[in-house]
Structure formats: C-alpha cells, structure tokens
C-alpha cells in the first residue's frame, strides 16, 4: 500500500512539474518573439532534469522552441528516457 502511495505522489509531482515546464517553454518562446528578457537555457534544462522532461519535450514540439539547439534536441529526449527508465526500475 505504501508503494502505491509513493508512486502516486511521484506521478503527481512529475505531472505538476511537467505542466509548469510546458508553460515556461511557452513563455520563453513568447518573450523571444518580442525580444524581451528570456529564461536561461540552464533553467529550461534544469526544469527537465527535476522531472519536467515531458513538459519540456511537449513545449519544444508545440511552441517550436529550442528545436535547433543540439543540447535541447538530443538532451531533452535523453533526459526523458532516463526518467522513464528510473521510474520503471522503481516498480
């Protein structure tokens, strides 16, 4: 029962961080179009690392943002795969 609760908490955490990350990517793209102050690449990648990789990947696809940068094009999918593997190993 405790394992089920822990998995639920992890899934909720990942969902929340991914939604936040998705919107942050959208805001950064919006700011880029208006030549305003931008969110740093370190922050964008950091959000993916702490659990927002699904939101980062979706943000890249939906907003067409950071798709030409190699560290995002290859890094975000690698982070996502690593997080999926880690999650599956905890089952």
PDB file of N, CA and C in Angstrom:
ATOM      1  N   UNK A   1       0.819  -1.196   0.000  1.00  0.00           N
ATOM      2  CA  UNK A   1       0.000   0.000   0.000  1.00  0.00           C
ATOM      3  C   UNK A   1       0.865   1.263   0.000  1.00  0.00           C
ATOM      4  N   UNK A   2       1.945   1.258   0.783  1.00  0.00           N
ATOM      5  CA  UNK A   2       2.817   2.425   0.834  1.00  0.00           C
ATOM      6  C   UNK A   2       3.505   2.654  -0.506  1.00  0.00           C
ATOM      7  N   UNK A   3       3.869   1.568  -1.211  1.00  0.00           N
ATOM      8  CA  UNK A   3       4.492   1.707  -2.529  1.00  0.00           C
ATOM      9  C   UNK A   3       3.543   2.373  -3.509  1.00  0.00           C
ATOM     10  N   UNK A   4       2.266   2.013  -3.428  1.00  0.00           N
ATOM     11  CA  UNK A   4       1.267   2.608  -4.300  1.00  0.00           C
ATOM     12  C   UNK A   4       1.134   4.097  -4.027  1.00  0.00           C
ATOM     13  N   UNK A   5       1.138   4.480  -2.760  1.00  0.00           N
ATOM     14  CA  UNK A   5       1.062   5.896  -2.399  1.00  0.00           C
ATOM     15  C   UNK A   5       2.289   6.661  -2.879  1.00  0.00           C
ATOM     16  N   UNK A   6       3.455   6.061  -2.750  1.00  0.00           N
ATOM     17  CA  UNK A   6       4.689   6.709  -3.195  1.00  0.00           C
ATOM     18  C   UNK A   6       4.663   6.897  -4.716  1.00  0.00           C
ATOM     19  N   UNK A   7       4.250   5.880  -5.451  1.00  0.00           N
ATOM     20  CA  UNK A   7       4.162   6.001  -6.912  1.00  0.00           C
ATOM     21  C   UNK A   7       3.172   7.082  -7.309  1.00  0.00           C
ATOM     22  N   UNK A   8       2.054   7.159  -6.592  1.00  0.00           N
ATOM     23  CA  UNK A   8       1.050   8.184  -6.873  1.00  0.00           C
ATOM     24  C   UNK A   8       1.647   9.580  -6.642  1.00  0.00           C
ATOM     25  N   UNK A   9       2.341   9.758  -5.546  1.00  0.00           N
ATOM     26  CA  UNK A   9       2.962  11.045  -5.238  1.00  0.00           C
ATOM     27  C   UNK A   9       3.993  11.398  -6.313  1.00  0.00           C
ATOM     28  N   UNK A  10       4.776  10.422  -6.738  1.00  0.00           N
ATOM     29  CA  UNK A  10       5.773  10.664  -7.782  1.00  0.00           C
ATOM     30  C   UNK A  10       5.098  11.070  -9.084  1.00  0.00           C
ATOM     31  N   UNK A  11       4.038  10.373  -9.466  1.00  0.00           N
ATOM     32  CA  UNK A  11       3.331  10.702 -10.701  1.00  0.00           C
ATOM     33  C   UNK A  11       2.700  12.093 -10.646  1.00  0.00           C
ATOM     34  N   UNK A  12       2.128  12.447  -9.506  1.00  0.00           N
ATOM     35  CA  UNK A  12       1.545  13.781  -9.356  1.00  0.00           C
ATOM     36  C   UNK A  12       2.646  14.836  -9.444  1.00  0.00           C
ATOM     37  N   UNK A  13       3.765  14.596  -8.784  1.00  0.00           N
ATOM     38  CA  UNK A  13       4.901  15.522  -8.844  1.00  0.00           C
ATOM     39  C   UNK A  13       5.358  15.715 -10.287  1.00  0.00           C
ATOM     40  N   UNK A  14       5.554  14.598 -11.005  1.00  0.00           N
ATOM     41  CA  UNK A  14       6.018  14.682 -12.390  1.00  0.00           C
ATOM     42  C   UNK A  14       5.016  15.423 -13.265  1.00  0.00           C
ATOM     43  N   UNK A  15       3.739  15.199 -13.028  1.00  0.00           N
ATOM     44  CA  UNK A  15       2.705  15.885 -13.818  1.00  0.00           C
ATOM     45  C   UNK A  15       2.741  17.391 -13.549  1.00  0.00           C
ATOM     46  N   UNK A  16       2.833  17.770 -12.306  1.00  0.00           N
ATOM     47  CA  UNK A  16       2.842  19.198 -11.945  1.00  0.00           C
ATOM     48  C   UNK A  16       4.080  19.881 -12.520  1.00  0.00           C
ATOM     49  N   UNK A  17       5.245  19.272 -12.342  1.00  0.00           N
ATOM     50  CA  UNK A  17       6.481  19.866 -12.853  1.00  0.00           C
ATOM     51  C   UNK A  17       6.438  19.946 -14.385  1.00  0.00           C
ATOM     52  N   UNK A  18       5.861  18.932 -15.032  1.00  0.00           N
ATOM     53  CA  UNK A  18       5.770  18.945 -16.491  1.00  0.00           C
ATOM     54  C   UNK A  18       4.844  20.045 -16.989  1.00  0.00           C
ATOM     55  N   UNK A  19       3.733  20.254 -16.319  1.00  0.00           N
ATOM     56  CA  UNK A  19       2.809  21.329 -16.720  1.00  0.00           C
ATOM     57  C   UNK A  19       3.490  22.684 -16.555  1.00  0.00           C
ATOM     58  N   UNK A  20       4.164  22.877 -15.442  1.00  0.00           N
ATOM     59  CA  UNK A  20       4.883  24.133 -15.215  1.00  0.00           C
ATOM     60  C   UNK A  20       5.955  24.329 -16.285  1.00  0.00           C
ATOM     61  N   UNK A  21       6.721  23.280 -16.562  1.00  0.00           N
ATOM     62  CA  UNK A  21       7.786  23.352 -17.562  1.00  0.00           C
ATOM     63  C   UNK A  21       7.228  23.686 -18.936  1.00  0.00           C
ATOM     64  N   UNK A  22       6.123  23.058 -19.308  1.00  0.00           N
ATOM     65  CA  UNK A  22       5.476  23.335 -20.592  1.00  0.00           C
ATOM     66  C   UNK A  22       5.150  24.819 -20.716  1.00  0.00           C
ATOM     67  N   UNK A  23       4.550  25.391 -19.676  1.00  0.00           N
ATOM     68  CA  UNK A  23       4.190  26.801 -19.726  1.00  0.00           C
ATOM     69  C   UNK A  23       5.416  27.712 -19.722  1.00  0.00           C
ATOM     70  N   UNK A  24       6.472  27.314 -19.023  1.00  0.00           N
ATOM     71  CA  UNK A  24       7.705  28.109 -19.023  1.00  0.00           C
ATOM     72  C   UNK A  24       8.310  28.147 -20.427  1.00  0.00           C
ATOM     73  N   UNK A  25       8.287  27.015 -21.128  1.00  0.00           N
ATOM     74  CA  UNK A  25       8.776  26.996 -22.513  1.00  0.00           C
ATOM     75  C   UNK A  25       7.927  27.921 -23.383  1.00  0.00           C
ATOM     76  N   UNK A  26       6.622  27.906 -23.170  1.00  0.00           N
ATOM     77  CA  UNK A  26       5.736  28.791 -23.921  1.00  0.00           C
ATOM     78  C   UNK A  26       6.009  30.256 -23.643  1.00  0.00           C
ATOM     79  N   UNK A  27       6.220  30.592 -22.387  1.00  0.00           N
ATOM     80  CA  UNK A  27       6.519  31.975 -22.011  1.00  0.00           C
ATOM     81  C   UNK A  27       7.844  32.409 -22.633  1.00  0.00           C
ATOM     82  N   UNK A  28       8.842  31.530 -22.601  1.00  0.00           N
ATOM     83  CA  UNK A  28      10.132  31.894 -23.174  1.00  0.00           C
ATOM     84  C   UNK A  28      10.022  32.113 -24.679  1.00  0.00           C
ATOM     85  N   UNK A  29       9.248  31.298 -25.359  1.00  0.00           N
ATOM     86  CA  UNK A  29       9.047  31.499 -26.798  1.00  0.00           C
ATOM     87  C   UNK A  29       8.323  32.820 -27.058  1.00  0.00           C
ATOM     88  N   UNK A  30       7.323  33.109 -26.253  1.00  0.00           N
ATOM     89  CA  UNK A  30       6.572  34.360 -26.381  1.00  0.00           C
ATOM     90  C   UNK A  30       7.511  35.556 -26.209  1.00  0.00           C
ATOM     91  N   UNK A  31       8.374  35.466 -25.185  1.00  0.00           N
ATOM     92  CA  UNK A  31       9.328  36.548 -24.947  1.00  0.00           C
ATOM     93  C   UNK A  31      10.347  36.659 -26.069  1.00  0.00           C
ATOM     94  N   UNK A  32      10.742  35.530 -26.637  1.00  0.00           N
ATOM     95  CA  UNK A  32      11.718  35.541 -27.731  1.00  0.00           C
ATOM     96  C   UNK A  32      11.155  36.282 -28.938  1.00  0.00           C
ATOM     97  N   UNK A  33       9.893  36.086 -29.214  1.00  0.00           N
ATOM     98  CA  UNK A  33       9.267  36.764 -30.352  1.00  0.00           C
ATOM     99  C   UNK A  33       9.182  38.269 -30.135  1.00  0.00           C
ATOM    100  N   UNK A  34       9.150  38.696 -28.899  1.00  0.00           N
ATOM    101  CA  UNK A  34       9.022  40.116 -28.577  1.00  0.00           C
ATOM    102  C   UNK A  34      10.348  40.746 -28.145  1.00  0.00           C
ATOM    103  N   UNK A  35      11.431  40.030 -28.330  1.00  0.00           N
ATOM    104  CA  UNK A  35      12.778  40.467 -27.931  1.00  0.00           C
ATOM    105  C   UNK A  35      12.807  41.013 -26.515  1.00  0.00           C
ATOM    106  N   UNK A  36      12.176  40.286 -25.612  1.00  0.00           N
ATOM    107  CA  UNK A  36      12.171  40.642 -24.189  1.00  0.00           C
ATOM    108  C   UNK A  36      13.171  39.767 -23.439  1.00  0.00           C
ATOM    109  N   UNK A  37      13.294  40.057 -22.143  1.00  0.00           N
ATOM    110  CA  UNK A  37      14.160  39.270 -21.271  1.00  0.00           C
ATOM    111  C   UNK A  37      13.744  37.815 -21.352  1.00  0.00           C
ATOM    112  N   UNK A  38      14.747  36.919 -21.450  1.00  0.00           N
ATOM    113  CA  UNK A  38      14.494  35.495 -21.679  1.00  0.00           C
ATOM    114  C   UNK A  38      14.798  34.662 -20.456  1.00  0.00           C
ATOM    115  N   UNK A  39      14.236  33.485 -20.433  1.00  0.00           N
ATOM    116  CA  UNK A  39      14.527  32.493 -19.403  1.00  0.00           C
ATOM    117  C   UNK A  39      15.796  31.766 -19.842  1.00  0.00           C
ATOM    118  N   UNK A  40      16.725  31.567 -18.926  1.00  0.00           N
ATOM    119  CA  UNK A  40      18.018  30.984 -19.294  1.00  0.00           C
ATOM    120  C   UNK A  40      17.869  29.531 -19.744  1.00  0.00           C
ATOM    121  N   UNK A  41      18.783  29.124 -20.612  1.00  0.00           N
ATOM    122  CA  UNK A  41      18.786  27.735 -21.065  1.00  0.00           C
ATOM    123  C   UNK A  41      19.027  26.792 -19.892  1.00  0.00           C
ATOM    124  N   UNK A  42      19.835  27.220 -18.938  1.00  0.00           N
ATOM    125  CA  UNK A  42      20.093  26.389 -17.756  1.00  0.00           C
ATOM    126  C   UNK A  42      18.801  26.134 -16.986  1.00  0.00           C
ATOM    127  N   UNK A  43      17.960  27.148 -16.871  1.00  0.00           N
ATOM    128  CA  UNK A  43      16.681  26.985 -16.186  1.00  0.00           C
ATOM    129  C   UNK A  43      15.774  26.037 -16.960  1.00  0.00           C
ATOM    130  N   UNK A  44      15.709  26.213 -18.284  1.00  0.00           N
ATOM    131  CA  UNK A  44      14.871  25.351 -19.103  1.00  0.00           C
ATOM    132  C   UNK A  44      15.321  23.894 -19.009  1.00  0.00           C
ATOM    133  N   UNK A  45      16.611  23.652 -19.088  1.00  0.00           N
ATOM    134  CA  UNK A  45      17.127  22.291 -18.960  1.00  0.00           C
ATOM    135  C   UNK A  45      16.965  21.764 -17.532  1.00  0.00           C
ATOM    136  N   UNK A  46      17.172  22.645 -16.563  1.00  0.00           N
ATOM    137  CA  UNK A  46      17.016  22.244 -15.161  1.00  0.00           C
ATOM    138  C   UNK A  46      15.608  21.788 -14.838  1.00  0.00           C
ATOM    139  N   UNK A  47      14.620  22.464 -15.398  1.00  0.00           N
ATOM    140  CA  UNK A  47      13.235  22.044 -15.186  1.00  0.00           C
ATOM    141  C   UNK A  47      12.998  20.641 -15.742  1.00  0.00           C
ATOM    142  N   UNK A  48      13.621  20.334 -16.866  1.00  0.00           N
ATOM    143  CA  UNK A  48      13.501  18.991 -17.428  1.00  0.00           C
ATOM    144  C   UNK A  48      14.156  17.965 -16.510  1.00  0.00           C
ATOM    145  N   UNK A  49      15.312  18.305 -15.983  1.00  0.00           N
ATOM    146  CA  UNK A  49      16.062  17.381 -15.135  1.00  0.00           C
ATOM    147  C   UNK A  49      15.307  17.074 -13.840  1.00  0.00           C
ATOM    148  N   UNK A  50      14.632  18.050 -13.271  1.00  0.00           N
ATOM    149  CA  UNK A  50      13.943  17.805 -11.994  1.00  0.00           C
ATOM    150  C   UNK A  50      12.580  17.137 -12.180  1.00  0.00           C
ATOM    151  N   UNK A  51      12.282  16.717 -13.391  1.00  0.00           N
ATOM    152  CA  UNK A  51      11.059  15.959 -13.608  1.00  0.00           C
ATOM    153  C   UNK A  51      10.134  16.503 -14.670  1.00  0.00           C
ATOM    154  N   UNK A  52      10.500  17.591 -15.297  1.00  0.00           N
ATOM    155  CA  UNK A  52       9.619  18.194 -16.288  1.00  0.00           C
ATOM    156  C   UNK A  52       9.966  17.853 -17.718  1.00  0.00           C
ATOM    157  N   UNK A  53      10.597  16.712 -17.925  1.00  0.00           N
ATOM    158  CA  UNK A  53      11.059  16.375 -19.280  1.00  0.00           C
ATOM    159  C   UNK A  53       9.906  16.187 -20.261  1.00  0.00           C
ATOM    160  N   UNK A  54       8.785  15.650 -19.815  1.00  0.00           N
ATOM    161  CA  UNK A  54       7.634  15.502 -20.711  1.00  0.00           C
ATOM    162  C   UNK A  54       7.117  16.882 -21.112  1.00  0.00           C
ATOM    163  N   UNK A  55       7.008  17.780 -20.155  1.00  0.00           N
ATOM    164  CA  UNK A  55       6.573  19.141 -20.455  1.00  0.00           C
ATOM    165  C   UNK A  55       7.549  19.878 -21.345  1.00  0.00           C
ATOM    166  N   UNK A  56       8.847  19.645 -21.131  1.00  0.00           N
ATOM    167  CA  UNK A  56       9.868  20.279 -21.976  1.00  0.00           C
ATOM    168  C   UNK A  56       9.757  19.770 -23.406  1.00  0.00           C
ATOM    169  N   UNK A  57       9.626  18.456 -23.560  1.00  0.00           N
ATOM    170  CA  UNK A  57       9.526  17.874 -24.898  1.00  0.00           C
ATOM    171  C   UNK A  57       8.265  18.381 -25.606  1.00  0.00           C
ATOM    172  N   UNK A  58       7.137  18.391 -24.873  1.00  0.00           N
ATOM    173  CA  UNK A  58       5.894  18.896 -25.470  1.00  0.00           C
ATOM    174  C   UNK A  58       6.005  20.389 -25.793  1.00  0.00           C
ATOM    175  N   UNK A  59       6.647  21.155 -24.914  1.00  0.00           N
ATOM    176  CA  UNK A  59       6.843  22.580 -25.159  1.00  0.00           C
ATOM    177  C   UNK A  59       7.677  22.833 -26.398  1.00  0.00           C
ATOM    178  N   UNK A  60       8.700  22.015 -26.590  1.00  0.00           N
ATOM    179  CA  UNK A  60       9.520  22.145 -27.794  1.00  0.00           C
ATOM    180  C   UNK A  60       8.686  21.863 -29.040  1.00  0.00           C
ATOM    181  N   UNK A  61       7.849  20.845 -28.976  1.00  0.00           N
ATOM    182  CA  UNK A  61       7.039  20.461 -30.136  1.00  0.00           C
ATOM    183  C   UNK A  61       5.918  21.469 -30.401  1.00  0.00           C
ATOM    184  N   UNK A  62       5.176  21.833 -29.375  1.00  0.00           N
ATOM    185  CA  UNK A  62       4.014  22.710 -29.543  1.00  0.00           C
ATOM    186  C   UNK A  62       4.438  24.125 -29.925  1.00  0.00           C
ATOM    187  N   UNK A  63       5.440  24.662 -29.227  1.00  0.00           N
ATOM    188  CA  UNK A  63       5.855  26.046 -29.452  1.00  0.00           C
ATOM    189  C   UNK A  63       6.988  26.166 -30.471  1.00  0.00           C
ATOM    190  N   UNK A  64       7.483  25.044 -30.980  1.00  0.00           N
ATOM    191  CA  UNK A  64       8.629  25.036 -31.898  1.00  0.00           C
ATOM    192  C   UNK A  64       9.773  25.855 -31.302  1.00  0.00           C
ATOM    193  N   UNK A  65      10.101  25.502 -30.075  1.00  0.00           N
ATOM    194  CA  UNK A  65      11.060  26.275 -29.303  1.00  0.00           C
ATOM    195  C   UNK A  65      12.282  25.432 -28.964  1.00  0.00           C
ATOM    196  N   UNK A  66      13.445  25.973 -29.232  1.00  0.00           N
ATOM    197  CA  UNK A  66      14.738  25.351 -28.936  1.00  0.00           C
ATOM    198  C   UNK A  66      14.963  24.071 -29.741  1.00  0.00           C
ATOM    199  N   UNK A  67      14.254  23.905 -30.837  1.00  0.00           N
ATOM    200  CA  UNK A  67      14.372  22.674 -31.621  1.00  0.00           C
ATOM    201  C   UNK A  67      15.655  22.613 -32.441  1.00  0.00           C
ATOM    202  N   UNK A  68      16.305  23.738 -32.666  1.00  0.00           N
ATOM    203  CA  UNK A  68      17.545  23.746 -33.431  1.00  0.00           C
ATOM    204  C   UNK A  68      18.792  23.630 -32.552  1.00  0.00           C
ATOM    205  N   UNK A  69      18.626  23.765 -31.249  1.00  0.00           N
ATOM    206  CA  UNK A  69      19.750  23.664 -30.330  1.00  0.00           C
ATOM    207  C   UNK A  69      19.999  22.190 -30.019  1.00  0.00           C
ATOM    208  N   UNK A  70      21.211  21.724 -30.288  1.00  0.00           N
ATOM    209  CA  UNK A  70      21.523  20.297 -30.103  1.00  0.00           C
ATOM    210  C   UNK A  70      21.328  19.833 -28.669  1.00  0.00           C
ATOM    211  N   UNK A  71      21.696  20.691 -27.704  1.00  0.00           N
ATOM    212  CA  UNK A  71      21.559  20.250 -26.312  1.00  0.00           C
ATOM    213  C   UNK A  71      20.103  20.064 -25.922  1.00  0.00           C
ATOM    214  N   UNK A  72      19.188  20.720 -26.611  1.00  0.00           N
ATOM    215  CA  UNK A  72      17.763  20.515 -26.365  1.00  0.00           C
ATOM    216  C   UNK A  72      17.226  19.385 -27.245  1.00  0.00           C
ATOM    217  N   UNK A  73      17.592  19.396 -28.518  1.00  0.00           N
ATOM    218  CA  UNK A  73      17.069  18.396 -29.459  1.00  0.00           C
ATOM    219  C   UNK A  73      17.433  16.984 -29.023  1.00  0.00           C
ATOM    220  N   UNK A  74      18.645  16.813 -28.502  1.00  0.00           N
ATOM    221  CA  UNK A  74      19.087  15.492 -28.063  1.00  0.00           C
ATOM    222  C   UNK A  74      19.013  15.327 -26.542  1.00  0.00           C
ATOM    223  N   UNK A  75      19.240  16.406 -25.821  1.00  0.00           N
ATOM    224  CA  UNK A  75      19.274  16.331 -24.366  1.00  0.00           C
ATOM    225  C   UNK A  75      17.918  16.044 -23.734  1.00  0.00           C
ATOM    226  N   UNK A  76      16.890  16.722 -24.198  1.00  0.00           N
ATOM    227  CA  UNK A  76      15.558  16.524 -23.602  1.00  0.00           C
ATOM    228  C   UNK A  76      15.080  15.086 -23.800  1.00  0.00           C
ATOM    229  N   UNK A  77      15.169  14.514 -25.013  1.00  0.00           N
ATOM    230  CA  UNK A  77      14.758  13.105 -25.142  1.00  0.00           C
ATOM    231  C   UNK A  77      15.603  12.154 -24.282  1.00  0.00           C
ATOM    232  N   UNK A  78      16.898  12.429 -24.143  1.00  0.00           N
ATOM    233  CA  UNK A  78      17.736  11.579 -23.293  1.00  0.00           C
ATOM    234  C   UNK A  78      17.325  11.680 -21.825  1.00  0.00           C
ATOM    235  N   UNK A  79      17.031  12.884 -21.377  1.00  0.00           N
ATOM    236  CA  UNK A  79      16.566  13.066 -20.003  1.00  0.00           C
ATOM    237  C   UNK A  79      15.239  12.331 -19.809  1.00  0.00           C
ATOM    238  N   UNK A  80      14.340  12.456 -20.773  1.00  0.00           N
ATOM    239  CA  UNK A  80      13.039  11.787 -20.697  1.00  0.00           C
ATOM    240  C   UNK A  80      13.206  10.271 -20.623  1.00  0.00           C
ATOM    241  N   UNK A  81      14.041   9.714 -21.477  1.00  0.00           N
ATOM    242  CA  UNK A  81      14.276   8.266 -21.456  1.00  0.00           C
ATOM    243  C   UNK A  81      14.865   7.829 -20.120  1.00  0.00           C
ATOM    244  N   UNK A  82      15.825   8.579 -19.616  1.00  0.00           N
ATOM    245  CA  UNK A  82      16.444   8.248 -18.327  1.00  0.00           C
ATOM    246  C   UNK A  82      15.406   8.274 -17.208  1.00  0.00           C
ATOM    247  N   UNK A  83      14.515   9.261 -17.230  1.00  0.00           N
ATOM    248  CA  UNK A  83      13.496   9.351 -16.186  1.00  0.00           C
ATOM    249  C   UNK A  83      12.485   8.215 -16.299  1.00  0.00           C
ATOM    250  N   UNK A  84      12.145   7.823 -17.506  1.00  0.00           N
ATOM    251  CA  UNK A  84      11.229   6.688 -17.686  1.00  0.00           C
ATOM    252  C   UNK A  84      11.859   5.411 -17.164  1.00  0.00           C
ATOM    253  N   UNK A  85      13.137   5.196 -17.500  1.00  0.00           N
ATOM    254  CA  UNK A  85      13.842   4.000 -17.026  1.00  0.00           C
ATOM    255  C   UNK A  85      13.907   3.993 -15.509  1.00  0.00           C
ATOM    256  N   UNK A  86      14.250   5.130 -14.915  1.00  0.00           N
ATOM    257  CA  UNK A  86      14.324   5.206 -13.443  1.00  0.00           C
ATOM    258  C   UNK A  86      12.963   4.915 -12.809  1.00  0.00           C
ATOM    259  N   UNK A  87      11.904   5.444 -13.406  1.00  0.00           N
ATOM    260  CA  UNK A  87      10.566   5.206 -12.868  1.00  0.00           C
ATOM    261  C   UNK A  87      10.210   3.723 -12.971  1.00  0.00           C
ATOM    262  N   UNK A  88      10.498   3.126 -14.124  1.00  0.00           N
ATOM    263  CA  UNK A  88      10.178   1.705 -14.303  1.00  0.00           C
ATOM    264  C   UNK A  88      10.990   0.802 -13.381  1.00  0.00           C
ATOM    265  N   UNK A  89      12.201   1.206 -13.075  1.00  0.00           N
ATOM    266  CA  UNK A  89      13.016   0.423 -12.145  1.00  0.00           C
ATOM    267  C   UNK A  89      12.479   0.451 -10.722  1.00  0.00           C
ATOM    268  N   UNK A  90      11.698   1.464 -10.407  1.00  0.00           N
ATOM    269  CA  UNK A  90      11.135   1.555  -9.050  1.00  0.00           C
ATOM    270  C   UNK A  90       9.850   0.759  -8.896  1.00  0.00           C
ATOM    271  N   UNK A  91       9.331   0.213  -9.992  1.00  0.00           N
ATOM    272  CA  UNK A  91       8.083  -0.565  -9.905  1.00  0.00           C
ATOM    273  C   UNK A  91       8.263  -1.880  -9.224  1.00  0.00           C
TER     274      UNK A  91
END
